Structure formats: structure tokens, C-alpha cells
Amino acid sequence: RTLVIPPFLAELLERHLESHDNELVVPALSGGPLLTTDFHTYDWSPVRGGAEARAGRYAREAMKPVEV
């Protein structure tokens, strides 16, 4: 697919990709691709809603923030 993005975002993505050894922009904690259902359910929806970090039985390691 082709995605048109503004130059500032392209620069941020380039810097982000240079910061780790994976060709994926947002790899899973295991290093592979994110599964759509898992990412949406466990990561994107809570973050989008401003939820606090999960705790308890299925808590995961915190994701590192993107530094600009």
C-alpha cells in the first residue's frame, strides 16, 4: 500500500526505525508483527481511551514512549 504522510512524520518514522533492529514500525514485544485483534483489544483501545497501565493476570511490560 501507499500512504501519503507529511514530511515531519516521515522524519519521525525514519528516526524511530533507526532506533531499533526491526523493519516493523511497531513490532510486538516478541519482535514479530502485531496481531490485529490482540493489538486493538489489549493495546490500542485502552490507550485511546486514556486508560492506566494494565495490572493483574495479563499485565504486560510497559511500552517505551516515542521520544521526539
C-alpha atoms as a PDB file:
ATOM      1  CA  ARG A   1       0.000   0.000   0.000  1.00  0.00           C
ATOM      2  CA  THR A   2       0.986   3.583  -0.485  1.00  0.00           C
ATOM      3  CA  LEU A   3       0.452   6.002   2.359  1.00  0.00           C
ATOM      4  CA  VAL A   4       0.975   9.721   1.887  1.00  0.00           C
ATOM      5  CA  ILE A   5       2.302  11.315   5.075  1.00  0.00           C
ATOM      6  CA  PRO A   6       3.639  14.786   5.848  1.00  0.00           C
ATOM      7  CA  PRO A   7       7.420  15.280   5.801  1.00  0.00           C
ATOM      8  CA  PHE A   8       7.672  15.788   9.585  1.00  0.00           C
ATOM      9  CA  LEU A   9       6.016  12.416  10.184  1.00  0.00           C
ATOM     10  CA  ALA A  10       8.287  10.719   7.637  1.00  0.00           C
ATOM     11  CA  GLU A  11      11.299  12.106   9.522  1.00  0.00           C
ATOM     12  CA  LEU A  12       9.943  10.879  12.874  1.00  0.00           C
ATOM     13  CA  LEU A  13       9.290   7.420  11.444  1.00  0.00           C
ATOM     14  CA  GLU A  14      12.790   7.253   9.952  1.00  0.00           C
ATOM     15  CA  ARG A  15      14.328   8.134  13.326  1.00  0.00           C
ATOM     16  CA  HIS A  16      12.101   5.612  15.059  1.00  0.00           C
ATOM     17  CA  LEU A  17      13.080   2.828  12.633  1.00  0.00           C
ATOM     18  CA  GLU A  18      16.759   3.668  13.131  1.00  0.00           C
ATOM     19  CA  SER A  19      16.307   3.288  16.905  1.00  0.00           C
ATOM     20  CA  HIS A  20      15.767  -0.483  16.770  1.00  0.00           C
ATOM     21  CA  ASP A  21      16.802  -3.515  14.716  1.00  0.00           C
ATOM     22  CA  ASN A  22      13.345  -4.381  13.382  1.00  0.00           C
ATOM     23  CA  GLU A  23      11.920  -3.412   9.998  1.00  0.00           C
ATOM     24  CA  LEU A  24       8.454  -3.042  11.545  1.00  0.00           C
ATOM     25  CA  VAL A  25       7.422   0.412  12.754  1.00  0.00           C
ATOM     26  CA  VAL A  26       5.602  -1.038  15.780  1.00  0.00           C
ATOM     27  CA  PRO A  27       6.665  -4.639  16.401  1.00  0.00           C
ATOM     28  CA  ALA A  28       5.069  -6.855  19.025  1.00  0.00           C
ATOM     29  CA  LEU A  29       7.013  -7.340  22.258  1.00  0.00           C
ATOM     30  CA  SER A  30       8.214 -10.643  20.767  1.00  0.00           C
ATOM     31  CA  GLY A  31       9.637  -8.741  17.760  1.00  0.00           C
ATOM     32  CA  GLY A  32       7.136 -10.016  15.195  1.00  0.00           C
ATOM     33  CA  PRO A  33       4.100  -8.334  13.686  1.00  0.00           C
ATOM     34  CA  LEU A  34       1.213  -7.302  15.896  1.00  0.00           C
ATOM     35  CA  LEU A  35      -1.878  -9.422  15.542  1.00  0.00           C
ATOM     36  CA  THR A  36      -4.701  -7.067  14.625  1.00  0.00           C
ATOM     37  CA  THR A  37      -7.160  -8.414  17.168  1.00  0.00           C
ATOM     38  CA  ASP A  38      -4.631  -8.551  20.002  1.00  0.00           C
ATOM     39  CA  PHE A  39      -3.243  -5.073  19.352  1.00  0.00           C
ATOM     40  CA  HIS A  40      -6.669  -3.484  19.093  1.00  0.00           C
ATOM     41  CA  THR A  41      -8.073  -5.268  22.133  1.00  0.00           C
ATOM     42  CA  TYR A  42      -5.142  -5.105  24.527  1.00  0.00           C
ATOM     43  CA  ASP A  43      -3.149  -2.061  23.467  1.00  0.00           C
ATOM     44  CA  TRP A  44      -4.890   0.439  21.185  1.00  0.00           C
ATOM     45  CA  SER A  45      -8.371   0.571  22.763  1.00  0.00           C
ATOM     46  CA  PRO A  46      -7.147   1.154  26.349  1.00  0.00           C
ATOM     47  CA  VAL A  47      -4.560   3.742  25.284  1.00  0.00           C
ATOM     48  CA  ARG A  48      -7.051   5.516  23.043  1.00  0.00           C
ATOM     49  CA  GLY A  49      -9.425   5.781  25.994  1.00  0.00           C
ATOM     50  CA  GLY A  50      -6.727   7.159  28.312  1.00  0.00           C
ATOM     51  CA  ALA A  51      -6.654   4.042  30.479  1.00  0.00           C
ATOM     52  CA  GLU A  52      -3.933   3.440  33.024  1.00  0.00           C
ATOM     53  CA  ALA A  53      -1.432   0.606  32.562  1.00  0.00           C
ATOM     54  CA  ARG A  54      -2.942  -2.831  32.956  1.00  0.00           C
ATOM     55  CA  ALA A  55      -2.214  -4.812  36.087  1.00  0.00           C
ATOM     56  CA  GLY A  56      -3.061  -8.301  37.205  1.00  0.00           C
ATOM     57  CA  ARG A  57      -3.055 -11.662  35.496  1.00  0.00           C
ATOM     58  CA  TYR A  58      -2.398 -10.495  31.936  1.00  0.00           C
ATOM     59  CA  ALA A  59      -0.351  -7.372  32.604  1.00  0.00           C
ATOM     60  CA  ARG A  60       2.399  -6.729  30.073  1.00  0.00           C
ATOM     61  CA  GLU A  61       5.665  -4.880  30.205  1.00  0.00           C
ATOM     62  CA  ALA A  62       5.165  -1.168  29.563  1.00  0.00           C
ATOM     63  CA  MET A  63       5.907   0.004  26.028  1.00  0.00           C
ATOM     64  CA  LYS A  64       8.641   2.619  25.750  1.00  0.00           C
ATOM     65  CA  PRO A  65       7.354   6.083  24.769  1.00  0.00           C
ATOM     66  CA  VAL A  66       8.335   7.628  21.460  1.00  0.00           C
ATOM     67  CA  GLU A  67      10.813  10.415  22.102  1.00  0.00           C
ATOM     68  CA  VAL A  68      10.616  13.389  19.757  1.00  0.00           C
END
